[in-house]
Amino acid sequence: MAGRLGAMPAMARQNNRARSVAARLVMLLAIAAVSACNTGDVFALQPAVDVGSQTAAVPETPQYSAPQYSAPQYTGMQRLVPSNPYMTAAYPRMDEPMSPAEQMPQSEVDCRNELRRLGVVYTDVQPIHEGQCGIDYPVRVSAIGSVGMKPAATLTCNMAATFATWTRNELVPAARWRYFSGVKTIHQGSSYSCRNIAGEGVLSEHGKGNALDVMSIELNNGDDIDVRKPGLFAFRTRGFLNNVRADGCQYFTTVLGPGYNYDHRNHFHFDIKNRRSGYRACR
């Protein structure tokens, strides 16, 4: 009896050693199975990648229509870059899409902030390049506060901001003073247009997006003030149009209208042409 009791601890130790050996064998088999599915180091955080293969989990580089921005669309497949072999579904390396502020000069960003401050309703549109004509960062203006722009005008941001400032500070107050009414709509005849100055062979400011032609001004009270030279006894209209011309010279470097020449008989031409010595043409 005593012999059997003494043999029990020895048997227990043998059973423990057997279980320990079995557990080690199970661990080694598991490691071997994982290694068979992965050519990299199973203890490293960098999974192995077959460089040059494709994966649908990594987005394509987003395509933008600058400067009109939209959310990037991730579709299709992207080839892995050999210099970055660890870009996989488990560890993606995706560059953030550039914001509008990063895609244009700071001066353009500041200008758009000014447009928003002035209440201008606008959209950024595709860059325009037509030979010697074009605008790098055009905007299409559809309204200035409650004043509509018909049709929408394609301009440089600087021209849009200048015109909006003049509209708010001069045009609208002049209409209220002369007609006791606000301005409903500015009807324009030409904004950006690739053309030369008539008879001069010099690129027009319209070809740079720095000019706008105003044909008529529609008021909230229903009056539609045509820019064409008013009749002899249209004192109020004449006074209003004289204000438009004179006040515009404080904002624009060129203001041309009826009476200047035949080409300007039916509209006011406003532009911000840069001239030497700050010369302004107001006629």
C-alpha atoms as a PDB file:
ATOM      1  CA  MET A   1       0.000   0.000   0.000  1.00  0.00           C
ATOM      2  CA  ALA A   2       2.765   2.433   0.930  1.00  0.00           C
ATOM      3  CA  GLY A   3       4.529   1.613  -2.397  1.00  0.00           C
ATOM      4  CA  ARG A   4       1.523   2.532  -4.425  1.00  0.00           C
ATOM      5  CA  LEU A   5       1.085   5.851  -2.592  1.00  0.00           C
ATOM      6  CA  GLY A   6       4.752   6.731  -3.238  1.00  0.00           C
ATOM      7  CA  ALA A   7       4.420   6.090  -6.971  1.00  0.00           C
ATOM      8  CA  MET A   8       1.505   8.536  -7.445  1.00  0.00           C
ATOM      9  CA  PRO A   9       3.569  11.807  -7.318  1.00  0.00           C
ATOM     10  CA  ALA A  10       5.985  10.397  -9.895  1.00  0.00           C
ATOM     11  CA  MET A  11       3.141   9.555 -12.278  1.00  0.00           C
ATOM     12  CA  ALA A  12       1.662  13.035 -11.845  1.00  0.00           C
ATOM     13  CA  ARG A  13       5.011  14.632 -12.795  1.00  0.00           C
ATOM     14  CA  GLN A  14       5.195  12.447 -15.932  1.00  0.00           C
ATOM     15  CA  ASN A  15       1.672  13.483 -16.955  1.00  0.00           C
ATOM     16  CA  ASN A  16       2.564  17.192 -16.519  1.00  0.00           C
ATOM     17  CA  ARG A  17       5.658  16.792 -18.695  1.00  0.00           C
ATOM     18  CA  ALA A  18       3.591  15.029 -21.368  1.00  0.00           C
ATOM     19  CA  ARG A  19       1.008  17.849 -21.423  1.00  0.00           C
ATOM     20  CA  SER A  20       3.792  20.451 -21.669  1.00  0.00           C
ATOM     21  CA  VAL A  21       5.380  18.673 -24.636  1.00  0.00           C
ATOM     22  CA  ALA A  22       1.982  18.417 -26.364  1.00  0.00           C
ATOM     23  CA  ALA A  23       1.329  22.132 -25.871  1.00  0.00           C
ATOM     24  CA  ARG A  24       4.708  23.028 -27.412  1.00  0.00           C
ATOM     25  CA  LEU A  25       4.001  20.798 -30.406  1.00  0.00           C
ATOM     26  CA  VAL A  26       0.630  22.532 -30.959  1.00  0.00           C
ATOM     27  CA  MET A  27       2.325  25.984 -30.852  1.00  0.00           C
ATOM     28  CA  LEU A  28       5.009  24.950 -33.354  1.00  0.00           C
ATOM     29  CA  LEU A  29       2.383  23.539 -35.724  1.00  0.00           C
ATOM     30  CA  ALA A  30       0.403  26.829 -35.554  1.00  0.00           C
ATOM     31  CA  ILE A  31       3.516  28.905 -36.326  1.00  0.00           C
ATOM     32  CA  ALA A  32       4.338  26.647 -39.263  1.00  0.00           C
ATOM     33  CA  ALA A  33       0.817  27.047 -40.635  1.00  0.00           C
ATOM     34  CA  VAL A  34       0.998  30.878 -40.460  1.00  0.00           C
ATOM     35  CA  SER A  35       4.457  30.906 -42.056  1.00  0.00           C
ATOM     36  CA  ALA A  36       3.155  28.871 -44.973  1.00  0.00           C
ATOM     37  CA  CYS A  37       0.651  31.692 -45.796  1.00  0.00           C
ATOM     38  CA  ASN A  38       3.031  34.650 -45.399  1.00  0.00           C
ATOM     39  CA  THR A  39       6.496  35.086 -46.805  1.00  0.00           C
ATOM     40  CA  GLY A  40       7.376  37.772 -44.263  1.00  0.00           C
ATOM     41  CA  ASP A  41       8.408  37.630 -40.650  1.00  0.00           C
ATOM     42  CA  VAL A  42       5.382  36.477 -38.625  1.00  0.00           C
ATOM     43  CA  PHE A  43       6.633  38.350 -35.576  1.00  0.00           C
ATOM     44  CA  ALA A  44       6.997  41.672 -37.476  1.00  0.00           C
ATOM     45  CA  LEU A  45       4.259  44.300 -38.036  1.00  0.00           C
ATOM     46  CA  GLN A  46       5.133  44.621 -41.739  1.00  0.00           C
ATOM     47  CA  PRO A  47       3.242  42.069 -43.827  1.00  0.00           C
ATOM     48  CA  ALA A  48       4.876  40.758 -46.964  1.00  0.00           C
ATOM     49  CA  VAL A  49       3.674  42.152 -50.285  1.00  0.00           C
ATOM     50  CA  ASP A  50       4.194  41.019 -53.826  1.00  0.00           C
ATOM     51  CA  VAL A  51       5.413  44.328 -55.248  1.00  0.00           C
ATOM     52  CA  GLY A  52       3.675  45.184 -58.504  1.00  0.00           C
ATOM     53  CA  SER A  53       0.448  43.356 -57.737  1.00  0.00           C
ATOM     54  CA  GLN A  54      -2.916  45.058 -57.519  1.00  0.00           C
ATOM     55  CA  THR A  55      -5.321  45.639 -54.695  1.00  0.00           C
ATOM     56  CA  ALA A  56      -8.820  47.077 -54.764  1.00  0.00           C
ATOM     57  CA  ALA A  57      -8.489  48.209 -51.160  1.00  0.00           C
ATOM     58  CA  VAL A  58      -6.163  51.129 -51.972  1.00  0.00           C
ATOM     59  CA  PRO A  59      -7.846  54.138 -53.644  1.00  0.00           C
ATOM     60  CA  GLU A  60      -6.758  55.646 -56.917  1.00  0.00           C
ATOM     61  CA  THR A  61      -5.301  59.115 -56.878  1.00  0.00           C
ATOM     62  CA  PRO A  62      -8.378  61.399 -56.892  1.00  0.00           C
ATOM     63  CA  GLN A  63      -8.941  63.436 -60.038  1.00  0.00           C
ATOM     64  CA  TYR A  64      -9.961  67.044 -59.642  1.00  0.00           C
ATOM     65  CA  SER A  65     -11.509  69.550 -61.970  1.00  0.00           C
ATOM     66  CA  ALA A  66      -9.607  72.601 -60.775  1.00  0.00           C
ATOM     67  CA  PRO A  67     -10.531  75.068 -59.457  1.00  0.00           C
ATOM     68  CA  GLN A  68     -14.025  73.566 -59.048  1.00  0.00           C
ATOM     69  CA  TYR A  69     -13.676  71.040 -56.250  1.00  0.00           C
ATOM     70  CA  SER A  70     -15.607  67.920 -55.405  1.00  0.00           C
ATOM     71  CA  ALA A  71     -15.153  64.987 -53.099  1.00  0.00           C
ATOM     72  CA  PRO A  72     -12.655  62.434 -54.460  1.00  0.00           C
ATOM     73  CA  GLN A  73     -14.169  59.269 -55.940  1.00  0.00           C
ATOM     74  CA  TYR A  74     -12.290  56.078 -55.135  1.00  0.00           C
ATOM     75  CA  THR A  75     -12.865  53.427 -57.770  1.00  0.00           C
ATOM     76  CA  GLY A  76     -10.979  50.689 -59.566  1.00  0.00           C
ATOM     77  CA  MET A  77      -7.504  49.364 -58.833  1.00  0.00           C
ATOM     78  CA  GLN A  78      -4.192  50.992 -58.049  1.00  0.00           C
ATOM     79  CA  ARG A  79      -0.773  49.486 -58.670  1.00  0.00           C
ATOM     80  CA  LEU A  80       1.466  49.302 -55.650  1.00  0.00           C
ATOM     81  CA  VAL A  81       4.518  51.494 -55.814  1.00  0.00           C
ATOM     82  CA  PRO A  82       7.784  49.489 -55.677  1.00  0.00           C
ATOM     83  CA  SER A  83       9.355  52.110 -53.403  1.00  0.00           C
ATOM     84  CA  ASN A  84       6.540  51.585 -50.916  1.00  0.00           C
ATOM     85  CA  PRO A  85       6.042  47.796 -50.734  1.00  0.00           C
ATOM     86  CA  TYR A  86       4.190  47.914 -47.436  1.00  0.00           C
ATOM     87  CA  MET A  87       1.155  49.773 -48.778  1.00  0.00           C
ATOM     88  CA  THR A  88      -1.474  47.056 -48.354  1.00  0.00           C
ATOM     89  CA  ALA A  89      -5.085  46.670 -47.378  1.00  0.00           C
ATOM     90  CA  ALA A  90      -4.039  46.223 -43.759  1.00  0.00           C
ATOM     91  CA  TYR A  91      -1.689  49.216 -43.732  1.00  0.00           C
ATOM     92  CA  PRO A  92      -2.941  51.745 -46.365  1.00  0.00           C
ATOM     93  CA  ARG A  93      -0.915  54.879 -47.111  1.00  0.00           C
ATOM     94  CA  MET A  94      -3.316  57.434 -48.580  1.00  0.00           C
ATOM     95  CA  ASP A  95      -2.409  61.085 -49.124  1.00  0.00           C
ATOM     96  CA  GLU A  96      -5.168  63.476 -48.099  1.00  0.00           C
ATOM     97  CA  PRO A  97      -6.759  65.298 -51.070  1.00  0.00           C
ATOM     98  CA  MET A  98      -5.552  68.858 -51.416  1.00  0.00           C
ATOM     99  CA  SER A  99      -7.977  71.492 -50.216  1.00  0.00           C
ATOM    100  CA  PRO A 100      -8.948  74.518 -52.350  1.00  0.00           C
ATOM    101  CA  ALA A 101      -6.701  76.685 -50.183  1.00  0.00           C
ATOM    102  CA  GLU A 102      -3.690  74.491 -51.041  1.00  0.00           C
ATOM    103  CA  GLN A 103      -4.429  74.394 -54.766  1.00  0.00           C
ATOM    104  CA  MET A 104      -4.400  78.140 -55.463  1.00  0.00           C
ATOM    105  CA  PRO A 105      -2.221  81.077 -54.428  1.00  0.00           C
ATOM    106  CA  GLN A 106      -2.934  82.733 -51.107  1.00  0.00           C
ATOM    107  CA  SER A 107      -3.977  85.911 -52.896  1.00  0.00           C
ATOM    108  CA  GLU A 108      -6.793  83.971 -54.594  1.00  0.00           C
ATOM    109  CA  VAL A 109      -7.834  82.420 -51.292  1.00  0.00           C
ATOM    110  CA  ASP A 110      -7.937  85.877 -49.670  1.00  0.00           C
ATOM    111  CA  CYS A 111      -9.946  87.230 -52.593  1.00  0.00           C
ATOM    112  CA  ARG A 112     -12.574  84.520 -52.209  1.00  0.00           C
ATOM    113  CA  ASN A 113     -12.830  85.313 -48.530  1.00  0.00           C
ATOM    114  CA  GLU A 114     -13.564  88.906 -49.572  1.00  0.00           C
ATOM    115  CA  LEU A 115     -16.250  87.693 -51.995  1.00  0.00           C
ATOM    116  CA  ARG A 116     -17.951  85.832 -49.185  1.00  0.00           C
ATOM    117  CA  ARG A 117     -17.726  88.896 -46.954  1.00  0.00           C
ATOM    118  CA  LEU A 118     -19.413  90.949 -49.681  1.00  0.00           C
ATOM    119  CA  GLY A 119     -22.180  88.368 -50.024  1.00  0.00           C
ATOM    120  CA  VAL A 120     -21.218  87.384 -53.564  1.00  0.00           C
ATOM    121  CA  VAL A 121     -22.809  84.176 -54.838  1.00  0.00           C
ATOM    122  CA  TYR A 122     -20.201  82.495 -57.016  1.00  0.00           C
ATOM    123  CA  THR A 123     -18.729  79.197 -58.128  1.00  0.00           C
ATOM    124  CA  ASP A 124     -15.156  78.312 -59.021  1.00  0.00           C
ATOM    125  CA  VAL A 125     -14.901  77.108 -62.602  1.00  0.00           C
ATOM    126  CA  GLN A 126     -12.332  75.392 -64.790  1.00  0.00           C
ATOM    127  CA  PRO A 127      -9.186  77.373 -65.694  1.00  0.00           C
ATOM    128  CA  ILE A 128      -9.563  79.062 -69.070  1.00  0.00           C
ATOM    129  CA  HIS A 129      -6.668  79.033 -71.535  1.00  0.00           C
ATOM    130  CA  GLU A 130      -7.346  80.104 -75.120  1.00  0.00           C
ATOM    131  CA  GLY A 131      -4.154  81.249 -76.808  1.00  0.00           C
ATOM    132  CA  GLN A 132      -3.295  84.662 -75.379  1.00  0.00           C
ATOM    133  CA  CYS A 133      -6.632  84.809 -73.528  1.00  0.00           C
ATOM    134  CA  GLY A 134      -7.575  83.117 -70.282  1.00  0.00           C
ATOM    135  CA  ILE A 135      -8.101  83.155 -66.528  1.00  0.00           C
ATOM    136  CA  ASP A 136      -6.099  80.934 -64.198  1.00  0.00           C
ATOM    137  CA  TYR A 137      -8.640  80.930 -61.363  1.00  0.00           C
ATOM    138  CA  PRO A 138     -11.995  82.147 -62.714  1.00  0.00           C
ATOM    139  CA  VAL A 139     -15.201  82.603 -60.758  1.00  0.00           C
ATOM    140  CA  ARG A 140     -18.742  82.697 -62.099  1.00  0.00           C
ATOM    141  CA  VAL A 141     -20.812  85.322 -60.295  1.00  0.00           C
ATOM    142  CA  SER A 142     -24.590  84.832 -60.198  1.00  0.00           C
ATOM    143  CA  ALA A 143     -25.533  87.376 -57.514  1.00  0.00           C
ATOM    144  CA  ILE A 144     -24.190  90.110 -55.258  1.00  0.00           C
ATOM    145  CA  GLY A 145     -26.213  89.839 -52.094  1.00  0.00           C
ATOM    146  CA  SER A 146     -29.853  90.208 -53.173  1.00  0.00           C
ATOM    147  CA  VAL A 147     -28.854  91.682 -56.559  1.00  0.00           C
ATOM    148  CA  GLY A 148     -28.962  89.090 -59.314  1.00  0.00           C
ATOM    149  CA  MET A 149     -26.482  88.898 -62.200  1.00  0.00           C
ATOM    150  CA  LYS A 150     -28.012  87.780 -65.489  1.00  0.00           C
ATOM    151  CA  PRO A 151     -26.502  85.942 -67.131  1.00  0.00           C
ATOM    152  CA  ALA A 152     -23.881  84.824 -64.610  1.00  0.00           C
ATOM    153  CA  ALA A 153     -20.555  86.585 -65.252  1.00  0.00           C
ATOM    154  CA  THR A 154     -17.225  84.768 -65.603  1.00  0.00           C
ATOM    155  CA  LEU A 155     -14.479  86.984 -64.175  1.00  0.00           C
ATOM    156  CA  THR A 156     -11.223  87.042 -62.280  1.00  0.00           C
ATOM    157  CA  CYS A 157     -11.796  87.077 -58.545  1.00  0.00           C
ATOM    158  CA  ASN A 158     -10.280  90.558 -58.325  1.00  0.00           C
ATOM    159  CA  MET A 159     -12.699  91.957 -60.913  1.00  0.00           C
ATOM    160  CA  ALA A 160     -15.624  90.236 -59.194  1.00  0.00           C
ATOM    161  CA  ALA A 161     -14.662  91.741 -55.836  1.00  0.00           C
ATOM    162  CA  THR A 162     -14.225  95.224 -57.340  1.00  0.00           C
ATOM    163  CA  PHE A 163     -17.578  95.093 -59.103  1.00  0.00           C
ATOM    164  CA  ALA A 164     -19.318  93.764 -55.971  1.00  0.00           C
ATOM    165  CA  THR A 165     -17.851  96.557 -53.841  1.00  0.00           C
ATOM    166  CA  TRP A 166     -19.031  99.192 -56.336  1.00  0.00           C
ATOM    167  CA  THR A 167     -22.486  97.607 -56.514  1.00  0.00           C
ATOM    168  CA  ARG A 168     -22.947  97.635 -52.745  1.00  0.00           C
ATOM    169  CA  ASN A 169     -21.385 101.023 -52.056  1.00  0.00           C
ATOM    170  CA  GLU A 170     -22.538 103.063 -55.064  1.00  0.00           C
ATOM    171  CA  LEU A 171     -25.074 101.447 -57.383  1.00  0.00           C
ATOM    172  CA  VAL A 172     -27.605 100.283 -54.789  1.00  0.00           C
ATOM    173  CA  PRO A 173     -27.531 103.558 -52.769  1.00  0.00           C
ATOM    174  CA  ALA A 174     -27.869 105.614 -55.985  1.00  0.00           C
ATOM    175  CA  ALA A 175     -30.945 103.610 -56.992  1.00  0.00           C
ATOM    176  CA  ARG A 176     -32.523 104.112 -53.592  1.00  0.00           C
ATOM    177  CA  TRP A 177     -31.835 107.825 -53.707  1.00  0.00           C
ATOM    178  CA  ARG A 178     -33.078 108.391 -57.266  1.00  0.00           C
ATOM    179  CA  TYR A 179     -35.884 105.810 -57.499  1.00  0.00           C
ATOM    180  CA  PHE A 180     -36.633 104.914 -53.864  1.00  0.00           C
ATOM    181  CA  SER A 181     -36.066 101.299 -54.811  1.00  0.00           C
ATOM    182  CA  GLY A 182     -33.479  98.604 -54.455  1.00  0.00           C
ATOM    183  CA  VAL A 183     -31.708  96.918 -57.365  1.00  0.00           C
ATOM    184  CA  LYS A 184     -33.145  93.556 -58.397  1.00  0.00           C
ATOM    185  CA  THR A 185     -30.945  92.474 -61.319  1.00  0.00           C
ATOM    186  CA  ILE A 186     -27.900  93.657 -63.245  1.00  0.00           C
ATOM    187  CA  HIS A 187     -28.190  92.569 -66.873  1.00  0.00           C
ATOM    188  CA  GLN A 188     -24.713  92.136 -68.334  1.00  0.00           C
ATOM    189  CA  GLY A 189     -23.800  91.698 -71.976  1.00  0.00           C
ATOM    190  CA  SER A 190     -20.220  90.433 -71.780  1.00  0.00           C
ATOM    191  CA  SER A 191     -17.835  89.231 -69.099  1.00  0.00           C
ATOM    192  CA  TYR A 192     -14.955  86.961 -70.169  1.00  0.00           C
ATOM    193  CA  SER A 193     -14.600  86.930 -73.958  1.00  0.00           C
ATOM    194  CA  CYS A 194     -11.457  86.233 -75.991  1.00  0.00           C
ATOM    195  CA  ARG A 195     -11.209  89.253 -78.284  1.00  0.00           C
ATOM    196  CA  ASN A 196      -9.105  92.281 -79.154  1.00  0.00           C
ATOM    197  CA  ILE A 197      -9.983  95.922 -78.655  1.00  0.00           C
ATOM    198  CA  ALA A 198     -11.857  97.006 -81.778  1.00  0.00           C
ATOM    199  CA  GLY A 199      -9.509  98.526 -84.354  1.00  0.00           C
ATOM    200  CA  GLU A 200      -6.379  98.296 -82.169  1.00  0.00           C
ATOM    201  CA  GLY A 201      -5.215  94.680 -82.343  1.00  0.00           C
ATOM    202  CA  VAL A 202      -4.599  94.751 -78.576  1.00  0.00           C
ATOM    203  CA  LEU A 203      -6.087  92.118 -76.287  1.00  0.00           C
ATOM    204  CA  SER A 204      -9.225  93.389 -74.591  1.00  0.00           C
ATOM    205  CA  GLU A 205      -9.537  93.171 -70.818  1.00  0.00           C
ATOM    206  CA  HIS A 206     -12.501  90.904 -71.533  1.00  0.00           C
ATOM    207  CA  GLY A 207      -9.938  88.365 -72.755  1.00  0.00           C
ATOM    208  CA  LYS A 208      -8.367  88.400 -69.278  1.00  0.00           C
ATOM    209  CA  GLY A 209     -11.612  88.267 -67.311  1.00  0.00           C
ATOM    210  CA  ASN A 210     -11.040  91.808 -66.011  1.00  0.00           C
ATOM    211  CA  ALA A 211     -14.008  93.506 -67.699  1.00  0.00           C
ATOM    212  CA  LEU A 212     -17.791  93.546 -67.501  1.00  0.00           C
ATOM    213  CA  ASP A 213     -20.383  95.248 -69.727  1.00  0.00           C
ATOM    214  CA  VAL A 214     -23.634  96.380 -68.093  1.00  0.00           C
ATOM    215  CA  MET A 215     -26.607  96.690 -70.445  1.00  0.00           C
ATOM    216  CA  SER A 216     -29.438  97.557 -68.068  1.00  0.00           C
ATOM    217  CA  ILE A 217     -30.326  97.750 -64.383  1.00  0.00           C
ATOM    218  CA  GLU A 218     -33.634  96.309 -63.200  1.00  0.00           C
ATOM    219  CA  LEU A 219     -35.110  97.731 -59.994  1.00  0.00           C
ATOM    220  CA  ASN A 220     -37.335  96.113 -57.392  1.00  0.00           C
ATOM    221  CA  ASN A 221     -40.147  98.526 -58.276  1.00  0.00           C
ATOM    222  CA  GLY A 222     -40.311  97.140 -61.820  1.00  0.00           C
ATOM    223  CA  ASP A 223     -38.313  99.864 -63.579  1.00  0.00           C
ATOM    224  CA  ASP A 224     -35.735  98.600 -66.067  1.00  0.00           C
ATOM    225  CA  ILE A 225     -33.143 101.306 -66.650  1.00  0.00           C
ATOM    226  CA  ASP A 226     -31.555 100.955 -70.070  1.00  0.00           C
ATOM    227  CA  VAL A 227     -28.000 102.252 -70.220  1.00  0.00           C
ATOM    228  CA  ARG A 228     -28.513 103.737 -73.673  1.00  0.00           C
ATOM    229  CA  LYS A 229     -28.442 107.521 -73.724  1.00  0.00           C
ATOM    230  CA  PRO A 230     -31.749 108.697 -72.221  1.00  0.00           C
ATOM    231  CA  GLY A 231     -34.129 111.159 -73.816  1.00  0.00           C
ATOM    232  CA  LEU A 232     -33.820 114.916 -73.439  1.00  0.00           C
ATOM    233  CA  PHE A 233     -36.319 115.152 -70.587  1.00  0.00           C
ATOM    234  CA  ALA A 234     -35.396 111.942 -68.744  1.00  0.00           C
ATOM    235  CA  PHE A 235     -33.792 113.937 -65.951  1.00  0.00           C
ATOM    236  CA  ARG A 236     -33.916 111.248 -63.287  1.00  0.00           C
ATOM    237  CA  THR A 237     -32.519 108.554 -65.577  1.00  0.00           C
ATOM    238  CA  ARG A 238     -29.781 110.864 -66.816  1.00  0.00           C
ATOM    239  CA  GLY A 239     -28.812 111.773 -63.264  1.00  0.00           C
ATOM    240  CA  PHE A 240     -28.725 108.122 -62.232  1.00  0.00           C
ATOM    241  CA  LEU A 241     -26.559 107.093 -65.197  1.00  0.00           C
ATOM    242  CA  ASN A 242     -24.227 110.037 -64.570  1.00  0.00           C
ATOM    243  CA  ASN A 243     -23.823 108.778 -60.996  1.00  0.00           C
ATOM    244  CA  VAL A 244     -23.078 105.282 -62.277  1.00  0.00           C
ATOM    245  CA  ARG A 245     -20.358 106.597 -64.564  1.00  0.00           C
ATOM    246  CA  ALA A 246     -18.763 109.034 -62.104  1.00  0.00           C
ATOM    247  CA  ASP A 247     -18.846 106.729 -59.073  1.00  0.00           C
ATOM    248  CA  GLY A 248     -17.464 103.857 -61.112  1.00  0.00           C
ATOM    249  CA  CYS A 249     -14.272 105.813 -61.757  1.00  0.00           C
ATOM    250  CA  GLN A 250     -13.420 105.510 -58.068  1.00  0.00           C
ATOM    251  CA  TYR A 251     -13.294 101.719 -58.346  1.00  0.00           C
ATOM    252  CA  PHE A 252     -12.402 100.825 -61.930  1.00  0.00           C
ATOM    253  CA  THR A 253      -9.530 102.014 -64.081  1.00  0.00           C
ATOM    254  CA  THR A 254     -11.787 102.147 -67.168  1.00  0.00           C
ATOM    255  CA  VAL A 255     -15.411 103.273 -67.402  1.00  0.00           C
ATOM    256  CA  LEU A 256     -16.768 103.777 -70.927  1.00  0.00           C
ATOM    257  CA  GLY A 257     -20.378 104.298 -71.910  1.00  0.00           C
ATOM    258  CA  PRO A 258     -22.844 105.982 -74.277  1.00  0.00           C
ATOM    259  CA  GLY A 259     -21.329 109.098 -75.772  1.00  0.00           C
ATOM    260  CA  TYR A 260     -17.796 107.710 -75.842  1.00  0.00           C
ATOM    261  CA  ASN A 261     -18.108 105.981 -79.228  1.00  0.00           C
ATOM    262  CA  TYR A 262     -20.558 103.941 -81.268  1.00  0.00           C
ATOM    263  CA  ASP A 263     -19.368 100.598 -79.854  1.00  0.00           C
ATOM    264  CA  HIS A 264     -20.372 101.705 -76.344  1.00  0.00           C
ATOM    265  CA  ARG A 265     -23.713 103.273 -77.304  1.00  0.00           C
ATOM    266  CA  ASN A 266     -25.779 100.687 -75.396  1.00  0.00           C
ATOM    267  CA  HIS A 267     -23.729  99.669 -72.363  1.00  0.00           C
ATOM    268  CA  PHE A 268     -21.257 100.672 -69.678  1.00  0.00           C
ATOM    269  CA  HIS A 269     -17.867  98.999 -69.919  1.00  0.00           C
ATOM    270  CA  PHE A 270     -16.028  98.539 -66.597  1.00  0.00           C
ATOM    271  CA  ASP A 271     -12.538  97.078 -66.276  1.00  0.00           C
ATOM    272  CA  ILE A 272      -9.505  97.068 -63.983  1.00  0.00           C
ATOM    273  CA  LYS A 273      -6.738  97.364 -66.548  1.00  0.00           C
ATOM    274  CA  ASN A 274      -3.362  98.044 -64.936  1.00  0.00           C
ATOM    275  CA  ARG A 275      -1.906 101.220 -66.431  1.00  0.00           C
ATOM    276  CA  ARG A 276       1.269 103.130 -65.760  1.00  0.00           C
ATOM    277  CA  SER A 277       1.133 105.993 -63.257  1.00  0.00           C
ATOM    278  CA  GLY A 278      -2.345 104.922 -62.127  1.00  0.00           C
ATOM    279  CA  TYR A 279      -4.036 106.464 -65.188  1.00  0.00           C
ATOM    280  CA  ARG A 280      -7.813 105.989 -65.408  1.00  0.00           C
ATOM    281  CA  ALA A 281     -10.028 106.290 -68.481  1.00  0.00           C
ATOM    282  CA  CYS A 282     -13.515 107.541 -67.564  1.00  0.00           C
ATOM    283  CA  ARG A 283     -15.517 108.714 -70.558  1.00  0.00           C
END
